[in-house]
Protein backbone atom coordinates (compact mmCIF):
# COMPACT_ATOMS: atom_id res chain seq x y z
CA MET A 1 15.12 61.87 78.61
CA PHE A 2 14.66 64.41 75.83
CA LYS A 3 14.98 67.28 78.35
CA PHE A 4 18.28 65.87 79.64
CA LEU A 5 19.56 65.58 76.05
CA LYS A 6 18.64 69.20 75.32
CA LEU A 7 20.40 70.28 78.53
CA ALA A 8 23.55 68.35 77.63
CA ILE A 9 23.65 69.91 74.17
CA LEU A 10 23.14 73.38 75.67
CA LEU A 11 26.00 72.84 78.11
CA LEU A 12 28.27 71.69 75.29
CA ILE A 13 27.44 74.82 73.26
CA ILE A 14 28.16 77.06 76.27
CA ALA A 15 31.48 75.28 76.89
CA ALA A 16 32.48 75.65 73.22
CA CYS A 17 31.65 79.37 73.28
CA LYS A 18 33.77 79.86 76.40
CA ASP A 19 36.63 77.98 74.81
CA GLN A 20 36.48 80.17 71.72
CA SER A 21 36.31 83.29 73.89
CA ASN A 22 39.35 82.17 75.88
CA LYS A 23 41.29 81.52 72.67
CA LYS A 24 40.45 85.01 71.40
CA GLU A 25 41.59 86.52 74.70
CA GLU A 26 44.83 84.51 74.57
CA THR A 27 45.45 85.64 70.98
CA ALA A 28 44.79 89.27 71.89
CA THR A 29 47.09 88.99 74.91
CA THR A 30 49.85 87.42 72.84
CA HIS A 31 49.50 90.20 70.25
CA LYS A 32 49.75 92.86 72.97
CA GLU A 33 52.78 91.16 74.48
CA LYS A 34 54.51 91.08 71.08
CA GLN A 35 53.64 94.72 70.50
CA SER A 36 55.00 95.68 73.93
CA GLU A 37 58.39 94.15 73.07
CA TRP A 38 59.03 97.09 70.73
CA THR A 39 60.41 100.38 72.02
CA TYR A 40 59.87 103.43 69.85
CA LEU A 41 63.00 105.53 69.49
CA PHE A 42 60.96 107.98 67.44
CA ASP A 43 57.16 107.88 67.27
CA GLY A 44 56.49 111.11 65.41
CA THR A 45 55.77 113.24 68.47
CA SER A 46 59.00 113.71 70.40
CA LEU A 47 62.78 113.89 69.98
CA GLU A 48 63.36 112.90 73.59
CA GLY A 49 66.54 110.83 73.89
CA TRP A 50 68.07 112.16 70.68
CA ARG A 51 71.16 114.38 70.56
CA GLY A 52 74.13 115.08 68.37
CA TYR A 53 77.12 112.76 68.38
CA ASN A 54 79.54 114.01 71.06
CA MET A 55 76.97 116.69 71.89
CA ASP A 56 74.44 117.49 74.61
CA SER A 57 71.72 118.70 72.25
CA LEU A 58 70.48 118.25 68.71
CA PRO A 59 72.55 120.02 66.02
CA PRO A 60 70.83 122.45 63.61
CA GLY A 61 68.70 120.97 60.88
CA TRP A 62 67.31 117.97 62.76
CA THR A 63 63.66 118.55 63.57
CA ILE A 64 60.12 117.11 63.43
CA LYS A 65 57.99 118.06 60.44
CA ASP A 66 54.57 116.51 59.86
CA SER A 67 55.37 113.78 62.43
CA VAL A 68 58.57 112.87 60.55
CA LEU A 69 62.13 113.10 61.85
CA THR A 70 63.63 115.42 59.26
CA PHE A 71 67.13 116.56 58.43
CA ASP A 72 66.33 119.85 56.75
CA THR A 73 69.29 121.00 54.67
CA GLU A 74 70.48 121.72 51.15
CA LEU A 75 71.92 118.85 49.11
CA GLY A 76 75.71 119.08 49.31
CA LEU A 77 78.38 117.85 46.91
CA GLU A 78 80.66 114.92 47.77
CA GLN A 79 83.86 116.94 47.41
CA ASN A 80 82.58 119.54 49.89
CA TYR A 81 81.59 117.03 52.54
CA THR A 82 83.87 117.16 55.61
CA GLY A 83 81.74 115.23 58.09
CA GLY A 84 78.28 116.04 59.30
CA LYS A 85 76.40 116.35 62.55
CA ASP A 86 75.25 112.76 63.02
CA ILE A 87 72.70 112.17 65.75
CA ILE A 88 72.34 109.33 68.25
CA TYR A 89 69.56 107.94 70.38
CA GLY A 90 71.51 108.55 73.57
CA ALA A 91 68.98 107.37 76.15
CA GLU A 92 70.09 103.73 76.02
CA GLU A 93 72.72 101.44 74.53
CA PHE A 94 71.76 98.21 72.79
CA ASP A 95 73.63 94.95 72.20
CA ASN A 96 71.43 92.34 70.47
CA PHE A 97 68.39 93.80 68.75
CA GLU A 98 66.00 94.04 65.84
CA LEU A 99 65.79 97.61 64.57
CA TYR A 100 63.04 98.77 62.19
CA LEU A 101 62.65 102.16 60.55
CA GLU A 102 61.20 103.84 57.48
CA TRP A 103 63.00 106.46 55.40
CA ARG A 104 62.94 108.42 52.18
CA ILE A 105 65.54 110.51 50.40
CA PRO A 106 65.70 113.05 47.56
CA LYS A 107 67.69 112.63 44.35
CA GLY A 108 71.42 112.37 44.97
CA ALA A 109 71.13 111.85 48.73
CA ASN A 110 73.28 109.82 51.09
CA SER A 111 72.78 108.74 54.71
CA GLY A 112 72.99 105.66 56.90
CA VAL A 113 72.10 103.95 60.15
CA PHE A 114 74.83 103.04 62.65
CA TYR A 115 74.70 100.70 65.65
CA HIS A 116 77.01 99.85 68.58
CA VAL A 117 78.09 103.48 68.43
CA LYS A 118 80.52 104.82 71.03
CA GLU A 119 81.31 108.51 71.48
CA GLY A 120 84.72 110.13 71.72
CA TYR A 121 85.69 109.59 68.08
CA ASP A 122 85.58 111.95 65.08
CA GLY A 123 82.29 110.36 64.11
CA PRO A 124 80.34 107.07 64.08
CA PRO A 125 81.82 105.75 60.77
CA SER A 126 85.24 105.04 62.28
CA VAL A 127 83.84 102.96 65.11
CA ALA A 128 80.39 101.62 64.17
CA PRO A 129 78.94 99.37 61.43
CA GLU A 130 76.59 101.12 59.02
CA TYR A 131 73.47 100.13 57.12
CA GLN A 132 73.98 102.20 53.97
CA ILE A 133 71.23 104.47 52.63
CA ILE A 134 71.91 106.21 49.31
CA ASP A 135 70.39 107.06 45.95
CA ASP A 136 71.74 104.05 44.05
CA LYS A 137 70.48 105.30 40.69
CA ASN A 138 71.57 108.94 40.60
CA TYR A 139 74.31 109.46 43.17
CA ALA A 140 77.30 108.93 40.86
CA ASP A 141 75.77 111.26 38.23
CA ILE A 142 75.64 114.11 40.73
CA HIS A 143 78.74 113.55 42.87
CA ASP A 144 82.37 113.13 41.82
CA LEU A 145 83.49 109.81 43.33
CA VAL A 146 86.75 109.35 41.44
CA GLY A 147 89.10 110.74 44.08
CA TYR A 148 87.48 108.86 46.94
CA ASN A 149 87.05 105.51 45.20
CA SER A 150 90.48 105.52 43.56
CA GLN A 151 92.18 105.08 46.92
CA PHE A 152 90.51 101.67 47.24
CA GLY A 153 91.65 100.44 43.83
CA ALA A 154 88.22 100.59 42.18
CA GLU A 155 88.28 99.56 38.53
CA HIS A 156 85.66 102.20 37.74
CA PRO A 157 86.06 104.80 40.50
CA GLU A 158 83.51 107.09 38.87
CA LEU A 159 80.75 104.61 39.70
CA LEU A 160 79.03 103.83 42.97
CA GLN A 161 80.66 100.63 44.23
CA ASP A 162 78.64 97.60 45.40
CA TRP A 163 79.80 98.15 48.98
CA GLN A 164 78.48 101.72 48.84
CA LYS A 165 74.95 100.88 47.71
CA THR A 166 71.75 100.87 49.75
CA GLY A 167 71.41 97.99 52.17
CA ALA A 168 75.13 97.19 52.24
CA ASP A 169 77.04 96.72 55.46
CA TYR A 170 79.09 99.71 54.38
CA ALA A 171 82.57 98.82 53.08
CA MET A 172 82.16 95.25 54.39
CA HIS A 173 79.29 93.18 52.98
CA VAL A 174 77.35 93.93 49.80
CA ALA A 175 73.60 93.63 49.34
CA ASP A 176 72.10 90.93 47.15
CA GLU A 177 70.88 92.98 44.18
CA SER A 178 68.54 90.17 43.09
CA GLN A 179 66.57 90.65 46.32
CA LYS A 180 66.67 94.43 46.38
CA GLN A 181 63.40 96.27 45.86
CA LEU A 182 64.46 99.89 46.34
CA ASN A 183 61.68 102.41 45.88
CA PRO A 184 62.43 105.51 43.78
CA VAL A 185 63.69 108.70 45.42
CA GLY A 186 60.92 110.56 47.20
CA GLU A 187 59.10 107.36 48.16
CA TRP A 188 59.22 105.60 51.53
CA ASN A 189 61.35 102.51 52.13
CA SER A 190 61.51 100.27 55.19
CA SER A 191 64.73 98.83 56.59
CA LYS A 192 65.47 96.27 59.25
CA ILE A 193 68.71 95.35 61.00
CA VAL A 194 68.88 92.18 63.09
CA PHE A 195 71.99 91.79 65.23
CA THR A 196 73.04 88.78 67.30
CA PRO A 197 76.56 87.38 67.88
CA GLU A 198 75.58 84.43 65.67
CA LYS A 199 74.24 86.38 62.69
CA VAL A 200 73.59 89.88 61.39
CA GLU A 201 70.89 90.54 58.78
CA HIS A 202 70.05 93.58 56.63
CA TRP A 203 66.54 93.82 55.19
CA LEU A 204 64.94 96.27 52.75
CA ASN A 205 61.21 96.48 52.08
CA GLY A 206 60.60 92.99 53.46
CA LYS A 207 63.47 91.28 51.59
CA LYS A 208 66.69 90.05 53.21
CA LEU A 209 69.68 91.54 51.40
CA LEU A 210 72.59 90.04 53.31
CA GLU A 211 73.72 88.17 56.38
CA PHE A 212 77.10 87.61 58.02
CA VAL A 213 78.67 86.39 61.24
CA PRO A 214 80.22 89.27 63.21
CA TRP A 215 83.82 88.95 64.44
CA SER A 216 84.32 85.70 62.53
CA GLU A 217 87.51 84.87 60.60
CA GLU A 218 85.83 85.92 57.36
CA TRP A 219 84.64 89.15 58.97
CA ASN A 220 88.13 89.95 60.29
CA ALA A 221 89.64 89.27 56.87
CA LYS A 222 87.29 91.82 55.30
CA LYS A 223 87.99 94.36 58.02
CA THR A 224 91.77 94.19 57.68
CA SER A 225 91.88 94.21 53.89
CA GLY A 226 89.74 97.22 53.03
CA LYS A 227 88.55 100.61 54.22
CA TRP A 228 88.77 99.76 57.94
CA ASP A 229 92.35 98.44 57.93
CA ASN A 230 93.52 101.63 59.65
CA ALA A 231 90.51 101.93 61.95
CA PRO A 232 91.47 99.70 64.90
CA ASP A 233 88.27 100.34 66.85
CA TYR A 234 85.88 99.76 63.96
CA ALA A 235 83.03 97.46 65.10
CA LYS A 236 84.92 96.20 68.14
CA TYR A 237 82.18 97.20 70.59
CA LYS A 238 79.38 94.76 71.34
CA THR A 239 76.98 97.35 72.67
CA GLY A 240 76.32 101.00 71.91
CA TYR A 241 73.97 103.67 70.61
CA ILE A 242 71.87 103.81 67.45
CA ALA A 243 72.84 106.72 65.16
CA LEU A 244 71.54 108.41 62.01
CA GLN A 245 73.92 110.02 59.55
CA ASP A 246 74.06 113.57 58.27
CA HIS A 247 75.89 113.24 54.95
CA ALA A 248 75.09 116.73 53.65
CA SER A 249 71.73 115.82 52.17
CA PRO A 250 68.10 115.99 53.29
CA ILE A 251 66.52 112.83 54.69
CA TRP A 252 63.29 111.80 56.41
CA PHE A 253 62.78 109.04 59.01
CA ARG A 254 59.66 107.69 60.73
CA ASN A 255 58.50 104.72 62.84
CA ILE A 256 61.92 104.06 64.36
CA LYS A 257 61.54 101.17 66.80
CA ILE A 258 63.73 98.53 68.37
CA LYS A 259 63.24 95.13 69.99
CA LYS A 260 65.84 93.63 72.32
CA LEU A 261 66.86 90.07 71.48
């Protein structure tokens, strides 16, 4: 009887070990599946798929340095900016997605991330929504914004406006400053854009800064009462390329990846 009891206990232990092993395998498999959902647009080793907007190749200045996608240029002044050589990931268009990337900028810099980009226009800003990237703290001290901001009726045109600050849906939806944790210039930040027809989200360093419903009545009211009133094709496309902005200032990107939703 005692032998049978020992055998039963041994069998139970073996069964429990197998169950734990199976659970570990399932967890590992699930983790791999989740990891495989991401597609790297830039992994630090190759610029395959990237080219200039309306171009067949990369424009000067965009390169890889120390495994980082780098726009290597001198910091320009706002009044001298006439439109840069934005680049797109031209290998594939995306509709609904979660985009993640890391970036850093120098003092006085300006850039951005566009989505649903279509070519054939002067540049992405007139046709595609933008996640704004800028030096919130120092930009207005270095660049003269009065002429540009005055045309939009800004009360203090010399200052960076809320709709121009980091994390904003540029000239549409402002970021929640109470949630913003923007690292100082020269340090890395992480950004995330989540797009679905039901809701768009902008994130910065793990904090959600804003959300809105695309193409809603509220969205259309904003579009037709501000900067994009005379841009009939702004944000009308529901699929398109991902783009990075050259706004006459150096910038560094890494770990650019996207997940289809």
